Amino acid sequence: MQRPQVTTLGREAYPSFSEKVSAFLFALLQYSPFRGGNRRVALASLVAFCELNNRTLDARIFDEKAAETLFKRAAGYRELGIPPENVYREMRELLARAIVAA
């Protein structure tokens, strides 16, 4: 859960807000810390993370179908045979468009 705060050689590894959120969500979905409900926890965490940082999600971009598809891909990238960097990039790009200042 510390992934958004990681630094490398004194520089932030995830400098933009969308990169921080994506790193946090991808770690949460990748390691599945709960027996069930990891995708629901990820969605609630995304909303809370945005609210705590005075941001919101544009529902026209990040709708229910987009969230479900993205979270399923992030949680099951191994089984789907998708490289994790591709899933992380998709997540970062979608969230960069969907997260707006409140």
PDB file of N, CA and C in Angstrom:
ATOM      1  N   MET A   1       0.810  -1.188   0.000  1.00  0.00           N
ATOM      2  CA  MET A   1       0.000   0.000   0.000  1.00  0.00           C
ATOM      3  C   MET A   1       0.860   1.261   0.000  1.00  0.00           C
ATOM      4  N   GLN A   2       2.144   1.091   0.172  1.00  0.00           N
ATOM      5  CA  GLN A   2       3.051   2.227   0.167  1.00  0.00           C
ATOM      6  C   GLN A   2       3.534   2.572  -1.242  1.00  0.00           C
ATOM      7  N   ARG A   3       3.136   1.806  -2.224  1.00  0.00           N
ATOM      8  CA  ARG A   3       3.662   1.985  -3.572  1.00  0.00           C
ATOM      9  C   ARG A   3       3.557   3.412  -4.117  1.00  0.00           C
ATOM     10  N   PRO A   4       2.475   4.150  -3.899  1.00  0.00           N
ATOM     11  CA  PRO A   4       2.424   5.523  -4.441  1.00  0.00           C
ATOM     12  C   PRO A   4       3.487   6.452  -3.873  1.00  0.00           C
ATOM     13  N   GLN A   5       4.054   6.099  -2.721  1.00  0.00           N
ATOM     14  CA  GLN A   5       5.032   6.959  -2.070  1.00  0.00           C
ATOM     15  C   GLN A   5       6.480   6.573  -2.379  1.00  0.00           C
ATOM     16  N   VAL A   6       6.684   5.584  -3.218  1.00  0.00           N
ATOM     17  CA  VAL A   6       8.027   5.094  -3.526  1.00  0.00           C
ATOM     18  C   VAL A   6       8.859   6.172  -4.218  1.00  0.00           C
ATOM     19  N   THR A   7      10.136   6.241  -3.811  1.00  0.00           N
ATOM     20  CA  THR A   7      11.072   7.148  -4.473  1.00  0.00           C
ATOM     21  C   THR A   7      12.242   6.330  -5.002  1.00  0.00           C
ATOM     22  N   THR A   8      12.833   6.820  -6.064  1.00  0.00           N
ATOM     23  CA  THR A   8      14.006   6.202  -6.662  1.00  0.00           C
ATOM     24  C   THR A   8      15.051   7.285  -6.856  1.00  0.00           C
ATOM     25  N   LEU A   9      16.173   7.113  -6.190  1.00  0.00           N
ATOM     26  CA  LEU A   9      17.250   8.104  -6.250  1.00  0.00           C
ATOM     27  C   LEU A   9      16.752   9.507  -5.909  1.00  0.00           C
ATOM     28  N   GLY A  10      15.886   9.576  -4.901  1.00  0.00           N
ATOM     29  CA  GLY A  10      15.388  10.863  -4.437  1.00  0.00           C
ATOM     30  C   GLY A  10      14.256  11.454  -5.256  1.00  0.00           C
ATOM     31  N   ARG A  11      13.806  10.757  -6.286  1.00  0.00           N
ATOM     32  CA  ARG A  11      12.700  11.249  -7.127  1.00  0.00           C
ATOM     33  C   ARG A  11      11.501  10.326  -6.974  1.00  0.00           C
ATOM     34  N   GLU A  12      10.334  10.919  -7.089  1.00  0.00           N
ATOM     35  CA  GLU A  12       9.114  10.120  -6.992  1.00  0.00           C
ATOM     36  C   GLU A  12       9.047   9.130  -8.150  1.00  0.00           C
ATOM     37  N   ALA A  13       8.749   7.883  -7.843  1.00  0.00           N
ATOM     38  CA  ALA A  13       8.596   6.879  -8.891  1.00  0.00           C
ATOM     39  C   ALA A  13       7.291   7.098  -9.664  1.00  0.00           C
ATOM     40  N   TYR A  14       6.296   7.653  -8.987  1.00  0.00           N
ATOM     41  CA  TYR A  14       4.991   7.916  -9.597  1.00  0.00           C
ATOM     42  C   TYR A  14       4.655   9.395  -9.389  1.00  0.00           C
ATOM     43  N   PRO A  15       5.132  10.275 -10.273  1.00  0.00           N
ATOM     44  CA  PRO A  15       4.988  11.714 -10.032  1.00  0.00           C
ATOM     45  C   PRO A  15       3.570  12.271 -10.197  1.00  0.00           C
ATOM     46  N   SER A  16       2.778  11.749 -11.102  1.00  0.00           N
ATOM     47  CA  SER A  16       1.446  12.326 -11.315  1.00  0.00           C
ATOM     48  C   SER A  16       0.413  11.619 -10.438  1.00  0.00           C
ATOM     49  N   PHE A  17      -0.704  12.292 -10.222  1.00  0.00           N
ATOM     50  CA  PHE A  17      -1.772  11.716  -9.402  1.00  0.00           C
ATOM     51  C   PHE A  17      -2.296  10.423 -10.012  1.00  0.00           C
ATOM     52  N   SER A  18      -2.502  10.408 -11.327  1.00  0.00           N
ATOM     53  CA  SER A  18      -3.029   9.193 -11.967  1.00  0.00           C
ATOM     54  C   SER A  18      -2.048   8.030 -11.841  1.00  0.00           C
ATOM     55  N   GLU A  19      -0.755   8.316 -11.848  1.00  0.00           N
ATOM     56  CA  GLU A  19       0.236   7.248 -11.664  1.00  0.00           C
ATOM     57  C   GLU A  19       0.199   6.715 -10.231  1.00  0.00           C
ATOM     58  N   LYS A  20       0.033   7.611  -9.267  1.00  0.00           N
ATOM     59  CA  LYS A  20      -0.061   7.189  -7.868  1.00  0.00           C
ATOM     60  C   LYS A  20      -1.287   6.306  -7.651  1.00  0.00           C
ATOM     61  N   VAL A  21      -2.435   6.749  -8.167  1.00  0.00           N
ATOM     62  CA  VAL A  21      -3.674   5.988  -8.017  1.00  0.00           C
ATOM     63  C   VAL A  21      -3.545   4.635  -8.716  1.00  0.00           C
ATOM     64  N   SER A  22      -2.991   4.636  -9.910  1.00  0.00           N
ATOM     65  CA  SER A  22      -2.828   3.384 -10.666  1.00  0.00           C
ATOM     66  C   SER A  22      -1.906   2.421  -9.945  1.00  0.00           C
ATOM     67  N   ALA A  23      -0.809   2.923  -9.394  1.00  0.00           N
ATOM     68  CA  ALA A  23       0.125   2.063  -8.656  1.00  0.00           C
ATOM     69  C   ALA A  23      -0.556   1.464  -7.435  1.00  0.00           C
ATOM     70  N   PHE A  24      -1.312   2.270  -6.729  1.00  0.00           N
ATOM     71  CA  PHE A  24      -2.034   1.804  -5.548  1.00  0.00           C
ATOM     72  C   PHE A  24      -3.050   0.723  -5.913  1.00  0.00           C
ATOM     73  N   LEU A  25      -3.886   0.999  -6.916  1.00  0.00           N
ATOM     74  CA  LEU A  25      -4.916   0.043  -7.314  1.00  0.00           C
ATOM     75  C   LEU A  25      -4.317  -1.236  -7.887  1.00  0.00           C
ATOM     76  N   PHE A  26      -3.297  -1.093  -8.706  1.00  0.00           N
ATOM     77  CA  PHE A  26      -2.695  -2.279  -9.314  1.00  0.00           C
ATOM     78  C   PHE A  26      -2.089  -3.175  -8.237  1.00  0.00           C
ATOM     79  N   ALA A  27      -1.430  -2.586  -7.242  1.00  0.00           N
ATOM     80  CA  ALA A  27      -0.871  -3.386  -6.146  1.00  0.00           C
ATOM     81  C   ALA A  27      -1.985  -4.082  -5.371  1.00  0.00           C
ATOM     82  N   LEU A  28      -3.055  -3.367  -5.106  1.00  0.00           N
ATOM     83  CA  LEU A  28      -4.175  -3.940  -4.373  1.00  0.00           C
ATOM     84  C   LEU A  28      -4.798  -5.107  -5.136  1.00  0.00           C
ATOM     85  N   LEU A  29      -4.993  -4.941  -6.431  1.00  0.00           N
ATOM     86  CA  LEU A  29      -5.607  -5.993  -7.238  1.00  0.00           C
ATOM     87  C   LEU A  29      -4.636  -7.131  -7.551  1.00  0.00           C
ATOM     88  N   GLN A  30      -3.382  -6.824  -7.688  1.00  0.00           N
ATOM     89  CA  GLN A  30      -2.379  -7.827  -8.023  1.00  0.00           C
ATOM     90  C   GLN A  30      -2.182  -8.815  -6.879  1.00  0.00           C
ATOM     91  N   TYR A  31      -2.121  -8.318  -5.659  1.00  0.00           N
ATOM     92  CA  TYR A  31      -1.817  -9.179  -4.519  1.00  0.00           C
ATOM     93  C   TYR A  31      -3.054  -9.709  -3.806  1.00  0.00           C
ATOM     94  N   SER A  32      -4.237  -9.204  -4.134  1.00  0.00           N
ATOM     95  CA  SER A  32      -5.505  -9.693  -3.583  1.00  0.00           C
ATOM     96  C   SER A  32      -5.418 -10.022  -2.096  1.00  0.00           C
ATOM     97  N   PRO A  33      -5.318  -9.009  -1.243  1.00  0.00           N
ATOM     98  CA  PRO A  33      -5.121  -9.269   0.186  1.00  0.00           C
ATOM     99  C   PRO A  33      -6.331  -9.856   0.907  1.00  0.00           C
ATOM    100  N   PHE A  34      -7.502  -9.799   0.301  1.00  0.00           N
ATOM    101  CA  PHE A  34      -8.707 -10.287   0.957  1.00  0.00           C
ATOM    102  C   PHE A  34      -9.190 -11.578   0.313  1.00  0.00           C
ATOM    103  N   ARG A  35      -9.917 -12.344   1.058  1.00  0.00           N
ATOM    104  CA  ARG A  35     -10.433 -13.622   0.560  1.00  0.00           C
ATOM    105  C   ARG A  35     -11.438 -13.399  -0.567  1.00  0.00           C
ATOM    106  N   GLY A  36     -12.181 -12.338  -0.489  1.00  0.00           N
ATOM    107  CA  GLY A  36     -13.160 -11.986  -1.516  1.00  0.00           C
ATOM    108  C   GLY A  36     -13.395 -10.490  -1.487  1.00  0.00           C
ATOM    109  N   GLY A  37     -13.919  -9.950  -2.540  1.00  0.00           N
ATOM    110  CA  GLY A  37     -14.263  -8.541  -2.579  1.00  0.00           C
ATOM    111  C   GLY A  37     -13.125  -7.600  -2.912  1.00  0.00           C
ATOM    112  N   ASN A  38     -12.029  -8.105  -3.456  1.00  0.00           N
ATOM    113  CA  ASN A  38     -10.882  -7.252  -3.755  1.00  0.00           C
ATOM    114  C   ASN A  38     -11.221  -6.165  -4.775  1.00  0.00           C
ATOM    115  N   ARG A  39     -12.023  -6.486  -5.770  1.00  0.00           N
ATOM    116  CA  ARG A  39     -12.375  -5.477  -6.775  1.00  0.00           C
ATOM    117  C   ARG A  39     -13.298  -4.419  -6.184  1.00  0.00           C
ATOM    118  N   ARG A  40     -14.194  -4.826  -5.301  1.00  0.00           N
ATOM    119  CA  ARG A  40     -15.072  -3.844  -4.638  1.00  0.00           C
ATOM    120  C   ARG A  40     -14.257  -2.935  -3.721  1.00  0.00           C
ATOM    121  N   VAL A  41     -13.307  -3.513  -3.010  1.00  0.00           N
ATOM    122  CA  VAL A  41     -12.437  -2.714  -2.145  1.00  0.00           C
ATOM    123  C   VAL A  41     -11.611  -1.753  -3.000  1.00  0.00           C
ATOM    124  N   ALA A  42     -11.145  -2.219  -4.153  1.00  0.00           N
ATOM    125  CA  ALA A  42     -10.360  -1.358  -5.052  1.00  0.00           C
ATOM    126  C   ALA A  42     -11.198  -0.170  -5.523  1.00  0.00           C
ATOM    127  N   LEU A  43     -12.444  -0.404  -5.874  1.00  0.00           N
ATOM    128  CA  LEU A  43     -13.312   0.686  -6.328  1.00  0.00           C
ATOM    129  C   LEU A  43     -13.569   1.679  -5.190  1.00  0.00           C
ATOM    130  N   ALA A  44     -13.881   1.166  -4.007  1.00  0.00           N
ATOM    131  CA  ALA A  44     -14.104   2.053  -2.855  1.00  0.00           C
ATOM    132  C   ALA A  44     -12.829   2.825  -2.525  1.00  0.00           C
ATOM    133  N   SER A  45     -11.683   2.175  -2.639  1.00  0.00           N
ATOM    134  CA  SER A  45     -10.400   2.838  -2.373  1.00  0.00           C
ATOM    135  C   SER A  45     -10.121   3.931  -3.390  1.00  0.00           C
ATOM    136  N   LEU A  46     -10.451   3.670  -4.640  1.00  0.00           N
ATOM    137  CA  LEU A  46     -10.264   4.669  -5.696  1.00  0.00           C
ATOM    138  C   LEU A  46     -11.090   5.913  -5.403  1.00  0.00           C
ATOM    139  N   VAL A  47     -12.344   5.718  -5.066  1.00  0.00           N
ATOM    140  CA  VAL A  47     -13.224   6.850  -4.767  1.00  0.00           C
ATOM    141  C   VAL A  47     -12.711   7.611  -3.545  1.00  0.00           C
ATOM    142  N   ALA A  48     -12.328   6.893  -2.496  1.00  0.00           N
ATOM    143  CA  ALA A  48     -11.819   7.540  -1.284  1.00  0.00           C
ATOM    144  C   ALA A  48     -10.513   8.288  -1.560  1.00  0.00           C
ATOM    145  N   PHE A  49      -9.603   7.666  -2.313  1.00  0.00           N
ATOM    146  CA  PHE A  49      -8.320   8.292  -2.649  1.00  0.00           C
ATOM    147  C   PHE A  49      -8.553   9.603  -3.390  1.00  0.00           C
ATOM    148  N   CYS A  50      -9.497   9.582  -4.325  1.00  0.00           N
ATOM    149  CA  CYS A  50      -9.820  10.799  -5.075  1.00  0.00           C
ATOM    150  C   CYS A  50     -10.432  11.855  -4.164  1.00  0.00           C
ATOM    151  N   GLU A  51     -11.387  11.464  -3.333  1.00  0.00           N
ATOM    152  CA  GLU A  51     -12.044  12.430  -2.448  1.00  0.00           C
ATOM    153  C   GLU A  51     -11.058  13.052  -1.474  1.00  0.00           C
ATOM    154  N   LEU A  52     -10.150  12.262  -0.938  1.00  0.00           N
ATOM    155  CA  LEU A  52      -9.165  12.787   0.009  1.00  0.00           C
ATOM    156  C   LEU A  52      -8.209  13.783  -0.645  1.00  0.00           C
ATOM    157  N   ASN A  53      -8.108  13.727  -1.966  1.00  0.00           N
ATOM    158  CA  ASN A  53      -7.210  14.617  -2.701  1.00  0.00           C
ATOM    159  C   ASN A  53      -7.972  15.611  -3.573  1.00  0.00           C
ATOM    160  N   ASN A  54      -9.231  15.895  -3.192  1.00  0.00           N
ATOM    161  CA  ASN A  54     -10.073  16.872  -3.894  1.00  0.00           C
ATOM    162  C   ASN A  54     -10.181  16.602  -5.385  1.00  0.00           C
ATOM    163  N   ARG A  55     -10.403  15.359  -5.717  1.00  0.00           N
ATOM    164  CA  ARG A  55     -10.587  14.971  -7.107  1.00  0.00           C
ATOM    165  C   ARG A  55     -11.841  14.110  -7.191  1.00  0.00           C
ATOM    166  N   THR A  56     -12.338  13.937  -8.402  1.00  0.00           N
ATOM    167  CA  THR A  56     -13.511  13.103  -8.615  1.00  0.00           C
ATOM    168  C   THR A  56     -13.333  12.329  -9.908  1.00  0.00           C
ATOM    169  N   LEU A  57     -14.191  11.341 -10.101  1.00  0.00           N
ATOM    170  CA  LEU A  57     -14.142  10.529 -11.316  1.00  0.00           C
ATOM    171  C   LEU A  57     -15.239  10.973 -12.273  1.00  0.00           C
ATOM    172  N   ASP A  58     -14.890  11.138 -13.531  1.00  0.00           N
ATOM    173  CA  ASP A  58     -15.858  11.467 -14.569  1.00  0.00           C
ATOM    174  C   ASP A  58     -16.547  10.165 -14.974  1.00  0.00           C
ATOM    175  N   ALA A  59     -17.821  10.042 -14.624  1.00  0.00           N
ATOM    176  CA  ALA A  59     -18.567   8.808 -14.870  1.00  0.00           C
ATOM    177  C   ALA A  59     -18.797   8.539 -16.359  1.00  0.00           C
ATOM    178  N   ARG A  60     -18.614   9.561 -17.188  1.00  0.00           N
ATOM    179  CA  ARG A  60     -18.760   9.343 -18.627  1.00  0.00           C
ATOM    180  C   ARG A  60     -17.570   8.556 -19.163  1.00  0.00           C
ATOM    181  N   ILE A  61     -16.439   8.662 -18.512  1.00  0.00           N
ATOM    182  CA  ILE A  61     -15.226   7.951 -18.933  1.00  0.00           C
ATOM    183  C   ILE A  61     -15.045   6.672 -18.124  1.00  0.00           C
ATOM    184  N   PHE A  62     -15.155   6.788 -16.809  1.00  0.00           N
ATOM    185  CA  PHE A  62     -14.948   5.650 -15.916  1.00  0.00           C
ATOM    186  C   PHE A  62     -16.306   5.172 -15.422  1.00  0.00           C
ATOM    187  N   ASP A  63     -17.026   4.488 -16.299  1.00  0.00           N
ATOM    188  CA  ASP A  63     -18.340   3.972 -15.943  1.00  0.00           C
ATOM    189  C   ASP A  63     -18.207   2.565 -15.355  1.00  0.00           C
ATOM    190  N   GLU A  64     -19.340   1.966 -15.048  1.00  0.00           N
ATOM    191  CA  GLU A  64     -19.344   0.643 -14.416  1.00  0.00           C
ATOM    192  C   GLU A  64     -18.655  -0.413 -15.278  1.00  0.00           C
ATOM    193  N   LYS A  65     -18.919  -0.386 -16.565  1.00  0.00           N
ATOM    194  CA  LYS A  65     -18.317  -1.375 -17.466  1.00  0.00           C
ATOM    195  C   LYS A  65     -16.797  -1.192 -17.567  1.00  0.00           C
ATOM    196  N   ALA A  66     -16.343   0.054 -17.668  1.00  0.00           N
ATOM    197  CA  ALA A  66     -14.902   0.318 -17.752  1.00  0.00           C
ATOM    198  C   ALA A  66     -14.201  -0.124 -16.473  1.00  0.00           C
ATOM    199  N   ALA A  67     -14.818   0.160 -15.327  1.00  0.00           N
ATOM    200  CA  ALA A  67     -14.227  -0.243 -14.040  1.00  0.00           C
ATOM    201  C   ALA A  67     -14.158  -1.755 -13.928  1.00  0.00           C
ATOM    202  N   GLU A  68     -15.239  -2.429 -14.266  1.00  0.00           N
ATOM    203  CA  GLU A  68     -15.270  -3.891 -14.169  1.00  0.00           C
ATOM    204  C   GLU A  68     -14.223  -4.531 -15.067  1.00  0.00           C
ATOM    205  N   THR A  69     -14.149  -4.075 -16.300  1.00  0.00           N
ATOM    206  CA  THR A  69     -13.179  -4.624 -17.250  1.00  0.00           C
ATOM    207  C   THR A  69     -11.754  -4.383 -16.782  1.00  0.00           C
ATOM    208  N   LEU A  70     -11.461  -3.175 -16.391  1.00  0.00           N
ATOM    209  CA  LEU A  70     -10.108  -2.830 -15.958  1.00  0.00           C
ATOM    210  C   LEU A  70      -9.700  -3.605 -14.711  1.00  0.00           C
ATOM    211  N   PHE A  71     -10.582  -3.685 -13.734  1.00  0.00           N
ATOM    212  CA  PHE A  71     -10.250  -4.368 -12.488  1.00  0.00           C
ATOM    213  C   PHE A  71     -10.108  -5.873 -12.703  1.00  0.00           C
ATOM    214  N   LYS A  72     -10.928  -6.456 -13.560  1.00  0.00           N
ATOM    215  CA  LYS A  72     -10.788  -7.887 -13.861  1.00  0.00           C
ATOM    216  C   LYS A  72      -9.458  -8.170 -14.543  1.00  0.00           C
ATOM    217  N   ARG A  73      -9.061  -7.299 -15.459  1.00  0.00           N
ATOM    218  CA  ARG A  73      -7.781  -7.476 -16.155  1.00  0.00           C
ATOM    219  C   ARG A  73      -6.607  -7.334 -15.186  1.00  0.00           C
ATOM    220  N   ALA A  74      -6.704  -6.368 -14.274  1.00  0.00           N
ATOM    221  CA  ALA A  74      -5.619  -6.155 -13.310  1.00  0.00           C
ATOM    222  C   ALA A  74      -5.535  -7.312 -12.313  1.00  0.00           C
ATOM    223  N   ALA A  75      -6.677  -7.802 -11.870  1.00  0.00           N
ATOM    224  CA  ALA A  75      -6.681  -8.894 -10.895  1.00  0.00           C
ATOM    225  C   ALA A  75      -6.276 -10.224 -11.520  1.00  0.00           C
ATOM    226  N   GLY A  76      -6.568 -10.417 -12.807  1.00  0.00           N
ATOM    227  CA  GLY A  76      -6.315 -11.708 -13.431  1.00  0.00           C
ATOM    228  C   GLY A  76      -5.346 -11.678 -14.584  1.00  0.00           C
ATOM    229  N   TYR A  77      -4.435 -10.724 -14.599  1.00  0.00           N
ATOM    230  CA  TYR A  77      -3.530 -10.595 -15.749  1.00  0.00           C
ATOM    231  C   TYR A  77      -2.683 -11.848 -15.951  1.00  0.00           C
ATOM    232  N   ARG A  78      -2.327 -12.545 -14.872  1.00  0.00           N
ATOM    233  CA  ARG A  78      -1.516 -13.769 -15.011  1.00  0.00           C
ATOM    234  C   ARG A  78      -2.293 -14.833 -15.777  1.00  0.00           C
ATOM    235  N   GLU A  79      -3.529 -15.068 -15.344  1.00  0.00           N
ATOM    236  CA  GLU A  79      -4.365 -16.085 -15.990  1.00  0.00           C
ATOM    237  C   GLU A  79      -4.709 -15.710 -17.428  1.00  0.00           C
ATOM    238  N   LEU A  80      -4.832 -14.416 -17.677  1.00  0.00           N
ATOM    239  CA  LEU A  80      -5.169 -13.942 -19.018  1.00  0.00           C
ATOM    240  C   LEU A  80      -3.947 -13.875 -19.936  1.00  0.00           C
ATOM    241  N   GLY A  81      -2.745 -14.003 -19.373  1.00  0.00           N
ATOM    242  CA  GLY A  81      -1.523 -13.951 -20.166  1.00  0.00           C
ATOM    243  C   GLY A  81      -1.168 -12.553 -20.650  1.00  0.00           C
ATOM    244  N   ILE A  82      -1.570 -11.543 -19.883  1.00  0.00           N
ATOM    245  CA  ILE A  82      -1.297 -10.154 -20.254  1.00  0.00           C
ATOM    246  C   ILE A  82      -0.102  -9.663 -19.441  1.00  0.00           C
ATOM    247  N   PRO A  83       0.880  -9.049 -20.069  1.00  0.00           N
ATOM    248  CA  PRO A  83       2.000  -8.496 -19.295  1.00  0.00           C
ATOM    249  C   PRO A  83       1.512  -7.438 -18.306  1.00  0.00           C
ATOM    250  N   PRO A  84       2.006  -7.461 -17.073  1.00  0.00           N
ATOM    251  CA  PRO A  84       1.511  -6.506 -16.070  1.00  0.00           C
ATOM    252  C   PRO A  84       1.742  -5.055 -16.460  1.00  0.00           C
ATOM    253  N   GLU A  85       2.827  -4.788 -17.176  1.00  0.00           N
ATOM    254  CA  GLU A  85       3.080  -3.394 -17.576  1.00  0.00           C
ATOM    255  C   GLU A  85       2.021  -2.882 -18.545  1.00  0.00           C
ATOM    256  N   ASN A  86       1.440  -3.778 -19.342  1.00  0.00           N
ATOM    257  CA  ASN A  86       0.364  -3.368 -20.249  1.00  0.00           C
ATOM    258  C   ASN A  86      -0.901  -3.013 -19.473  1.00  0.00           C
ATOM    259  N   VAL A  87      -1.217  -3.822 -18.476  1.00  0.00           N
ATOM    260  CA  VAL A  87      -2.405  -3.563 -17.668  1.00  0.00           C
ATOM    261  C   VAL A  87      -2.222  -2.270 -16.875  1.00  0.00           C
ATOM    262  N   TYR A  88      -1.039  -2.085 -16.304  1.00  0.00           N
ATOM    263  CA  TYR A  88      -0.766  -0.854 -15.549  1.00  0.00           C
ATOM    264  C   TYR A  88      -0.877   0.367 -16.468  1.00  0.00           C
ATOM    265  N   ARG A  89      -0.348   0.266 -17.678  1.00  0.00           N
ATOM    266  CA  ARG A  89      -0.415   1.388 -18.624  1.00  0.00           C
ATOM    267  C   ARG A  89      -1.875   1.709 -18.969  1.00  0.00           C
ATOM    268  N   GLU A  90      -2.686   0.677 -19.235  1.00  0.00           N
ATOM    269  CA  GLU A  90      -4.108   0.887 -19.530  1.00  0.00           C
ATOM    270  C   GLU A  90      -4.795   1.591 -18.361  1.00  0.00           C
ATOM    271  N   MET A  91      -4.499   1.130 -17.151  1.00  0.00           N
ATOM    272  CA  MET A  91      -5.107   1.721 -15.963  1.00  0.00           C
ATOM    273  C   MET A  91      -4.696   3.179 -15.816  1.00  0.00           C
ATOM    274  N   ARG A  92      -3.414   3.449 -15.972  1.00  0.00           N
ATOM    275  CA  ARG A  92      -2.899   4.818 -15.835  1.00  0.00           C
ATOM    276  C   ARG A  92      -3.521   5.748 -16.870  1.00  0.00           C
ATOM    277  N   GLU A  93      -3.620   5.294 -18.117  1.00  0.00           N
ATOM    278  CA  GLU A  93      -4.178   6.137 -19.180  1.00  0.00           C
ATOM    279  C   GLU A  93      -5.663   6.401 -18.970  1.00  0.00           C
ATOM    280  N   LEU A  94      -6.413   5.384 -18.584  1.00  0.00           N
ATOM    281  CA  LEU A  94      -7.840   5.575 -18.347  1.00  0.00           C
ATOM    282  C   LEU A  94      -8.082   6.507 -17.164  1.00  0.00           C
ATOM    283  N   LEU A  95      -7.353   6.293 -16.082  1.00  0.00           N
ATOM    284  CA  LEU A  95      -7.544   7.147 -14.919  1.00  0.00           C
ATOM    285  C   LEU A  95      -7.061   8.574 -15.145  1.00  0.00           C
ATOM    286  N   ALA A  96      -6.050   8.745 -15.972  1.00  0.00           N
ATOM    287  CA  ALA A  96      -5.588  10.100 -16.301  1.00  0.00           C
ATOM    288  C   ALA A  96      -6.690  10.893 -16.992  1.00  0.00           C
ATOM    289  N   ARG A  97      -7.491  10.218 -17.797  1.00  0.00           N
ATOM    290  CA  ARG A  97      -8.606  10.891 -18.476  1.00  0.00           C
ATOM    291  C   ARG A  97      -9.815  11.045 -17.563  1.00  0.00           C
ATOM    292  N   ALA A  98     -10.015  10.087 -16.648  1.00  0.00           N
ATOM    293  CA  ALA A  98     -11.246  10.050 -15.852  1.00  0.00           C
ATOM    294  C   ALA A  98     -11.191  10.887 -14.582  1.00  0.00           C
ATOM    295  N   ILE A  99     -10.008  11.101 -14.019  1.00  0.00           N
ATOM    296  CA  ILE A  99      -9.901  11.848 -12.768  1.00  0.00           C
ATOM    297  C   ILE A  99      -9.809  13.336 -13.061  1.00  0.00           C
ATOM    298  N   VAL A 100     -10.710  14.091 -12.436  1.00  0.00           N
ATOM    299  CA  VAL A 100     -10.750  15.541 -12.634  1.00  0.00           C
ATOM    300  C   VAL A 100     -10.771  16.236 -11.280  1.00  0.00           C
ATOM    301  N   ALA A 101     -10.358  17.489 -11.254  1.00  0.00           N
ATOM    302  CA  ALA A 101     -10.385  18.272 -10.010  1.00  0.00           C
ATOM    303  C   ALA A 101     -11.828  18.474  -9.579  1.00  0.00           C
ATOM    304  N   ALA A 102     -12.042  18.395  -8.286  1.00  0.00           N
ATOM    305  CA  ALA A 102     -13.413  18.533  -7.735  1.00  0.00           C
ATOM    306  C   ALA A 102     -13.826  19.989  -7.662  1.00  0.00           C
TER     307      ALA A 102
END
